[in-house]
Amino acid sequence: MKYKMIELVREEGIALLYLNRPEVLNALNETMKNELIHVLKETEEDDNVRVMILTGRGRGFCAGADLNRFIEIQERDKGHKKKSRFGSIDFPGLLHGIPNLLSQPSTGHLMVLVLPSP
């Protein structure tokens, strides 16, 4: 699968997963969330991946949820008649939903979260 908001590089048992929206400090949106779910499931099923390193392109790992969508909805709905919802982007929950990629000695898999230095 071709990803728009993330980048996956596999080398010698290592999966390097980059959040790739540096222009907005890798803020999570629905597309990125869906791509992360897909790539985490894909790498979980790959017996050749022994370690996953998760990091972000640019100067920040992840700014959190991309709130620009709320601004766009508010501008279109001047009367504030519609309620908006971003959808759940529970990033820690997302990672815990992929049990084999979190450090588990029984499977030999390890996930490493790499944050950029300040």
N, C-alpha and C. Protein backbone atom coordinates (compact mmCIF):
# COMPACT_ATOMS: atom_id res chain seq x y z
N MET A 1 0.84 -1.19 0.00
CA MET A 1 0.00 0.00 0.00
C MET A 1 0.88 1.25 0.00
N LYS A 2 0.50 2.23 -0.76
CA LYS A 2 1.22 3.51 -0.82
C LYS A 2 0.62 4.43 0.23
N TYR A 3 1.49 5.00 1.08
CA TYR A 3 1.04 5.88 2.15
C TYR A 3 1.29 7.34 1.80
N LYS A 4 0.39 8.22 2.24
CA LYS A 4 0.52 9.65 1.99
C LYS A 4 1.14 10.39 3.18
N MET A 5 0.86 9.93 4.40
CA MET A 5 1.22 10.68 5.60
C MET A 5 2.25 10.00 6.48
N ILE A 6 2.62 8.79 6.12
CA ILE A 6 3.66 8.07 6.85
C ILE A 6 4.61 7.45 5.84
N GLU A 7 5.75 7.02 6.34
CA GLU A 7 6.73 6.35 5.48
C GLU A 7 7.25 5.13 6.22
N LEU A 8 7.27 3.99 5.55
CA LEU A 8 7.76 2.76 6.15
C LEU A 8 8.99 2.29 5.38
N VAL A 9 10.08 2.07 6.11
CA VAL A 9 11.32 1.56 5.53
C VAL A 9 11.67 0.29 6.30
N ARG A 10 11.91 -0.81 5.57
CA ARG A 10 12.28 -2.08 6.20
C ARG A 10 13.71 -2.42 5.80
N GLU A 11 14.51 -2.72 6.82
CA GLU A 11 15.91 -3.11 6.58
C GLU A 11 16.33 -4.13 7.62
N GLU A 12 16.74 -5.29 7.17
CA GLU A 12 17.36 -6.31 8.03
C GLU A 12 16.61 -6.52 9.34
N GLY A 13 15.31 -6.77 9.28
CA GLY A 13 14.52 -7.04 10.47
C GLY A 13 14.07 -5.82 11.23
N ILE A 14 14.40 -4.64 10.74
CA ILE A 14 14.02 -3.39 11.40
C ILE A 14 13.02 -2.66 10.52
N ALA A 15 11.91 -2.23 11.11
CA ALA A 15 10.93 -1.40 10.41
C ALA A 15 11.05 0.02 10.96
N LEU A 16 11.43 0.94 10.09
CA LEU A 16 11.50 2.35 10.47
C LEU A 16 10.21 3.00 10.00
N LEU A 17 9.42 3.50 10.95
CA LEU A 17 8.14 4.11 10.63
C LEU A 17 8.22 5.60 10.94
N TYR A 18 8.09 6.41 9.89
CA TYR A 18 8.18 7.86 10.02
C TYR A 18 6.80 8.48 9.89
N LEU A 19 6.43 9.33 10.83
CA LEU A 19 5.29 10.22 10.64
C LEU A 19 5.80 11.27 9.68
N ASN A 20 5.06 11.54 8.60
CA ASN A 20 5.62 12.36 7.53
C ASN A 20 4.70 13.53 7.14
N ARG A 21 4.48 14.41 8.11
CA ARG A 21 3.78 15.67 7.87
C ARG A 21 4.56 16.78 8.59
N PRO A 22 5.84 16.95 8.24
CA PRO A 22 6.68 17.89 9.00
C PRO A 22 6.18 19.33 8.95
N GLU A 23 5.43 19.69 7.91
CA GLU A 23 4.94 21.07 7.79
C GLU A 23 3.94 21.43 8.89
N VAL A 24 3.35 20.42 9.55
CA VAL A 24 2.43 20.64 10.67
C VAL A 24 2.89 19.86 11.90
N LEU A 25 4.21 19.70 12.02
CA LEU A 25 4.82 18.98 13.14
C LEU A 25 4.22 17.58 13.32
N ASN A 26 3.90 16.94 12.20
CA ASN A 26 3.38 15.57 12.18
C ASN A 26 2.09 15.41 12.98
N ALA A 27 1.25 16.45 12.97
CA ALA A 27 -0.04 16.38 13.65
C ALA A 27 -0.89 15.27 13.04
N LEU A 28 -1.55 14.52 13.89
CA LEU A 28 -2.36 13.38 13.45
C LEU A 28 -3.69 13.83 12.89
N ASN A 29 -4.03 13.32 11.72
CA ASN A 29 -5.36 13.51 11.17
C ASN A 29 -5.94 12.13 10.88
N GLU A 30 -7.15 12.09 10.37
CA GLU A 30 -7.81 10.80 10.12
C GLU A 30 -7.04 9.93 9.13
N THR A 31 -6.49 10.54 8.08
CA THR A 31 -5.74 9.78 7.08
C THR A 31 -4.51 9.14 7.72
N MET A 32 -3.77 9.93 8.51
CA MET A 32 -2.58 9.38 9.17
C MET A 32 -2.97 8.27 10.14
N LYS A 33 -4.04 8.47 10.88
CA LYS A 33 -4.50 7.45 11.82
C LYS A 33 -4.79 6.14 11.09
N ASN A 34 -5.51 6.22 9.98
CA ASN A 34 -5.85 5.01 9.23
C ASN A 34 -4.61 4.35 8.64
N GLU A 35 -3.66 5.16 8.17
CA GLU A 35 -2.42 4.60 7.65
C GLU A 35 -1.61 3.93 8.75
N LEU A 36 -1.57 4.52 9.94
CA LEU A 36 -0.85 3.92 11.06
C LEU A 36 -1.46 2.58 11.44
N ILE A 37 -2.78 2.52 11.50
CA ILE A 37 -3.44 1.26 11.82
C ILE A 37 -3.06 0.19 10.80
N HIS A 38 -3.10 0.57 9.53
CA HIS A 38 -2.77 -0.39 8.46
C HIS A 38 -1.32 -0.87 8.56
N VAL A 39 -0.38 0.07 8.71
CA VAL A 39 1.03 -0.31 8.71
C VAL A 39 1.39 -1.10 9.97
N LEU A 40 0.77 -0.80 11.10
CA LEU A 40 1.07 -1.56 12.32
C LEU A 40 0.57 -3.00 12.19
N LYS A 41 -0.60 -3.17 11.61
CA LYS A 41 -1.11 -4.53 11.40
C LYS A 41 -0.25 -5.27 10.37
N GLU A 42 0.15 -4.55 9.32
CA GLU A 42 0.98 -5.15 8.28
C GLU A 42 2.32 -5.62 8.84
N THR A 43 2.96 -4.80 9.65
CA THR A 43 4.27 -5.18 10.19
C THR A 43 4.13 -6.24 11.28
N GLU A 44 3.00 -6.24 11.98
CA GLU A 44 2.79 -7.28 12.98
C GLU A 44 2.75 -8.65 12.32
N GLU A 45 2.20 -8.73 11.13
CA GLU A 45 2.07 -10.00 10.43
C GLU A 45 3.35 -10.41 9.70
N ASP A 46 4.34 -9.53 9.68
CA ASP A 46 5.60 -9.80 8.99
C ASP A 46 6.60 -10.41 9.96
N ASP A 47 6.86 -11.69 9.85
CA ASP A 47 7.78 -12.38 10.76
C ASP A 47 9.22 -11.89 10.63
N ASN A 48 9.54 -11.21 9.54
CA ASN A 48 10.89 -10.68 9.35
C ASN A 48 11.14 -9.42 10.15
N VAL A 49 10.09 -8.73 10.58
CA VAL A 49 10.24 -7.51 11.37
C VAL A 49 10.40 -7.89 12.83
N ARG A 50 11.57 -7.58 13.38
CA ARG A 50 11.87 -7.91 14.78
C ARG A 50 11.85 -6.67 15.66
N VAL A 51 12.09 -5.49 15.06
CA VAL A 51 12.14 -4.23 15.80
C VAL A 51 11.42 -3.17 14.96
N MET A 52 10.64 -2.32 15.62
CA MET A 52 10.04 -1.19 14.93
C MET A 52 10.51 0.07 15.64
N ILE A 53 10.96 1.03 14.84
CA ILE A 53 11.36 2.33 15.36
C ILE A 53 10.38 3.35 14.80
N LEU A 54 9.71 4.06 15.69
CA LEU A 54 8.71 5.05 15.32
C LEU A 54 9.26 6.43 15.61
N THR A 55 9.28 7.28 14.58
CA THR A 55 9.82 8.63 14.73
C THR A 55 9.07 9.55 13.78
N GLY A 56 9.44 10.81 13.78
CA GLY A 56 8.78 11.78 12.92
C GLY A 56 9.78 12.53 12.06
N ARG A 57 9.36 12.88 10.87
CA ARG A 57 10.18 13.70 9.97
C ARG A 57 10.13 15.15 10.46
N GLY A 58 11.19 15.88 10.20
CA GLY A 58 11.22 17.29 10.57
C GLY A 58 11.67 17.50 12.01
N ARG A 59 11.28 18.63 12.56
CA ARG A 59 11.79 19.03 13.87
C ARG A 59 10.95 18.57 15.05
N GLY A 60 9.85 17.89 14.81
CA GLY A 60 9.02 17.44 15.92
C GLY A 60 8.49 16.04 15.68
N PHE A 61 8.36 15.26 16.74
CA PHE A 61 7.83 13.91 16.61
C PHE A 61 6.35 13.95 16.22
N CYS A 62 5.52 14.56 17.06
CA CYS A 62 4.08 14.63 16.77
C CYS A 62 3.46 15.69 17.66
N ALA A 63 2.77 16.65 17.04
CA ALA A 63 2.15 17.75 17.79
C ALA A 63 0.83 17.35 18.42
N GLY A 64 0.32 16.16 18.13
CA GLY A 64 -0.98 15.74 18.63
C GLY A 64 -1.99 15.76 17.49
N ALA A 65 -3.26 15.92 17.83
CA ALA A 65 -4.31 15.92 16.82
C ALA A 65 -4.25 17.21 15.99
N ASP A 66 -4.51 17.07 14.70
CA ASP A 66 -4.56 18.22 13.80
C ASP A 66 -5.92 18.89 13.96
N LEU A 67 -5.93 20.06 14.58
CA LEU A 67 -7.17 20.75 14.89
C LEU A 67 -7.66 21.65 13.77
N ASN A 68 -6.95 21.71 12.66
CA ASN A 68 -7.38 22.54 11.53
C ASN A 68 -8.75 22.13 11.01
N ARG A 69 -9.09 20.89 11.16
CA ARG A 69 -10.41 20.43 10.70
C ARG A 69 -11.52 21.15 11.45
N PHE A 70 -11.34 21.37 12.75
CA PHE A 70 -12.35 22.07 13.53
C PHE A 70 -12.52 23.50 13.04
N ILE A 71 -11.43 24.15 12.71
CA ILE A 71 -11.49 25.53 12.22
C ILE A 71 -12.26 25.57 10.91
N GLU A 72 -11.99 24.65 10.02
CA GLU A 72 -12.70 24.60 8.74
C GLU A 72 -14.20 24.39 8.94
N ILE A 73 -14.59 23.52 9.85
CA ILE A 73 -16.00 23.25 10.12
C ILE A 73 -16.67 24.49 10.70
N GLN A 74 -15.99 25.17 11.62
CA GLN A 74 -16.56 26.37 12.22
C GLN A 74 -16.75 27.47 11.18
N GLU A 75 -15.83 27.61 10.26
CA GLU A 75 -15.96 28.64 9.23
C GLU A 75 -17.13 28.36 8.29
N ARG A 76 -17.39 27.09 8.00
CA ARG A 76 -18.52 26.74 7.14
C ARG A 76 -19.85 26.84 7.87
N ASP A 77 -19.85 26.61 9.18
CA ASP A 77 -21.07 26.59 9.97
C ASP A 77 -21.11 27.82 10.87
N LYS A 78 -21.35 28.97 10.27
CA LYS A 78 -21.34 30.23 11.02
C LYS A 78 -22.41 30.27 12.11
N GLY A 79 -23.52 29.57 11.90
CA GLY A 79 -24.59 29.56 12.91
C GLY A 79 -24.35 28.57 14.03
N HIS A 80 -23.28 27.81 13.94
CA HIS A 80 -22.91 26.80 14.95
C HIS A 80 -24.06 25.82 15.21
N LYS A 81 -24.68 25.38 14.13
CA LYS A 81 -25.80 24.46 14.26
C LYS A 81 -25.37 23.00 14.23
N LYS A 82 -24.20 22.74 13.70
CA LYS A 82 -23.72 21.37 13.60
C LYS A 82 -22.68 21.10 14.69
N LYS A 83 -22.77 19.93 15.25
CA LYS A 83 -21.75 19.51 16.20
C LYS A 83 -20.69 18.75 15.42
N SER A 84 -19.45 18.99 15.73
CA SER A 84 -18.38 18.30 15.01
C SER A 84 -17.64 17.38 15.96
N ARG A 85 -17.11 16.34 15.38
CA ARG A 85 -16.34 15.36 16.13
C ARG A 85 -15.16 14.94 15.29
N PHE A 86 -14.00 14.94 15.87
CA PHE A 86 -12.80 14.59 15.12
C PHE A 86 -12.67 13.10 14.92
N GLY A 87 -13.15 12.34 15.86
CA GLY A 87 -12.93 10.90 15.81
C GLY A 87 -11.79 10.56 16.76
N SER A 88 -11.79 9.39 17.25
CA SER A 88 -10.82 9.01 18.26
C SER A 88 -9.45 8.74 17.64
N ILE A 89 -8.48 9.47 18.11
CA ILE A 89 -7.10 9.15 17.76
C ILE A 89 -6.38 8.91 19.08
N ASP A 90 -6.60 7.75 19.60
CA ASP A 90 -5.99 7.34 20.86
C ASP A 90 -4.67 6.66 20.50
N PHE A 91 -3.61 7.46 20.37
CA PHE A 91 -2.34 6.93 19.88
C PHE A 91 -1.78 5.83 20.78
N PRO A 92 -1.73 6.02 22.12
CA PRO A 92 -1.25 4.90 22.95
C PRO A 92 -2.14 3.67 22.81
N GLY A 93 -3.45 3.87 22.73
CA GLY A 93 -4.36 2.74 22.54
C GLY A 93 -4.14 2.05 21.22
N LEU A 94 -3.82 2.84 20.21
CA LEU A 94 -3.52 2.30 18.89
C LEU A 94 -2.32 1.36 18.97
N LEU A 95 -1.28 1.78 19.67
CA LEU A 95 -0.08 0.96 19.80
C LEU A 95 -0.34 -0.28 20.65
N HIS A 96 -1.13 -0.15 21.71
CA HIS A 96 -1.43 -1.31 22.55
C HIS A 96 -2.33 -2.31 21.84
N GLY A 97 -3.01 -1.86 20.79
CA GLY A 97 -3.85 -2.77 20.01
C GLY A 97 -3.05 -3.70 19.12
N ILE A 98 -1.75 -3.48 19.04
CA ILE A 98 -0.86 -4.33 18.24
C ILE A 98 0.08 -5.04 19.22
N PRO A 99 -0.38 -6.10 19.85
CA PRO A 99 0.36 -6.70 20.96
C PRO A 99 1.75 -7.22 20.61
N ASN A 100 1.95 -7.75 19.44
CA ASN A 100 3.25 -8.33 19.12
C ASN A 100 4.33 -7.30 18.85
N LEU A 101 3.95 -6.06 18.61
CA LEU A 101 4.97 -5.06 18.33
C LEU A 101 5.46 -4.34 19.58
N LEU A 102 4.75 -4.50 20.68
CA LEU A 102 5.24 -3.94 21.93
C LEU A 102 6.20 -4.97 22.52
N SER A 103 7.11 -4.51 23.32
CA SER A 103 8.17 -5.38 23.81
C SER A 103 7.59 -6.63 24.48
N GLN A 104 7.82 -7.77 23.85
CA GLN A 104 7.36 -9.04 24.39
C GLN A 104 8.46 -10.08 24.17
N PRO A 105 9.14 -10.44 25.25
CA PRO A 105 10.23 -11.41 25.09
C PRO A 105 9.80 -12.72 24.44
N SER A 106 8.54 -13.12 24.64
CA SER A 106 8.11 -14.41 24.08
C SER A 106 8.09 -14.40 22.56
N THR A 107 7.87 -13.24 21.95
CA THR A 107 7.84 -13.17 20.49
C THR A 107 9.13 -12.63 19.92
N GLY A 108 9.93 -12.00 20.75
CA GLY A 108 11.17 -11.41 20.28
C GLY A 108 10.97 -10.08 19.58
N HIS A 109 9.77 -9.50 19.65
CA HIS A 109 9.50 -8.22 19.01
C HIS A 109 9.76 -7.07 20.00
N LEU A 110 10.15 -5.95 19.47
CA LEU A 110 10.41 -4.78 20.29
C LEU A 110 10.00 -3.54 19.50
N MET A 111 9.31 -2.62 20.16
CA MET A 111 8.99 -1.35 19.54
C MET A 111 9.79 -0.27 20.27
N VAL A 112 10.42 0.60 19.52
CA VAL A 112 11.19 1.69 20.08
C VAL A 112 10.58 2.98 19.61
N LEU A 113 10.27 3.86 20.52
CA LEU A 113 9.75 5.17 20.18
C LEU A 113 10.91 6.15 20.23
N VAL A 114 11.21 6.79 19.10
CA VAL A 114 12.36 7.69 19.02
C VAL A 114 11.85 9.12 18.92
N LEU A 115 12.15 9.92 19.91
CA LEU A 115 11.75 11.32 19.91
C LEU A 115 12.95 12.17 19.50
N PRO A 116 12.72 13.22 18.71
CA PRO A 116 13.82 14.09 18.33
C PRO A 116 14.35 14.85 19.54
N SER A 117 15.62 15.16 19.52
CA SER A 117 16.18 15.91 20.64
C SER A 117 15.69 17.35 20.58
N PRO A 118 15.53 18.00 21.76
CA PRO A 118 15.00 19.38 21.79
C PRO A 118 15.95 20.38 21.18
